[in-house]
């Protein structure tokens, strides 16, 4: 199992870094694939609510493309798409559904088709910013290192449960270690390749945002999986589970970083 994880990482990390480095279409394609499989795995997790899986996947894919390419849309893109999606799901329920539990089906379908593409579109927005390549590298590195630190320190020193009803193995000690290593990674990244991009206070705030919001994003995905009574979101990545498992830290972290950067710039 460990060997499989290592081999997958050896093959996957250079591919991710290449997409980040070149940006534009390669990075968009990577994030589109990530968004698509995360939605697909989410729909599989919440299958007990009988969501409109095919419609959700189609709408999620169209929404992601719309968010990334139609920048000059004359209205709030997210609001327009949210209303359109809800209208479609209500049409499906009114004419072809069963009134019983229809709200659950609409809610489960909408959450997957709207929120996940919206969250991952912010990764594309970050890459398109000035110094976007460095920002995305920094975001990936920080999440990977803090996740590893939180896991290792939680295993060795964890005594107090962080959210026992959602993720029994995560501990307060592990989360604290994740924050510390996230901040250390932020400082190292600043002086390694972002010295002219951010001041020290800015990079420390970014490190804190990524470390706290990223770990909460992980817990949010665990909440969904706990509701679906499953351990891994999928099996598509050998030794690592599903795409949702590997990219869950970004569902809240990417928007948080993006809007923080808009605020300070």
Foldseek 3Di string as FASTA:
>chain_A
DVVLVVVLCVVPVVQQLVCLVVADPSVLVVLLVLLLQLLQLLCVLVCVLVAPNVLLSVLLSVLLCCLQPVPVPPDDSLVVSLVVLLVVLVVCCVPPHDPVSSVSRSVSSSCSSRQSSVLSSLLSVLSPDVCSSLVNVLLVVLLVQLVVQLLVQLVVPFDAADDCLQDVSGGPRSLVRSLVSLQVSLVVSCVPPNVVPDDNVVSNVLSNLLSVQLVVLLSVVSNSNVVSVDDASACPRPPQGGSCNVCSSRSRSSVVNSVVVVVVD
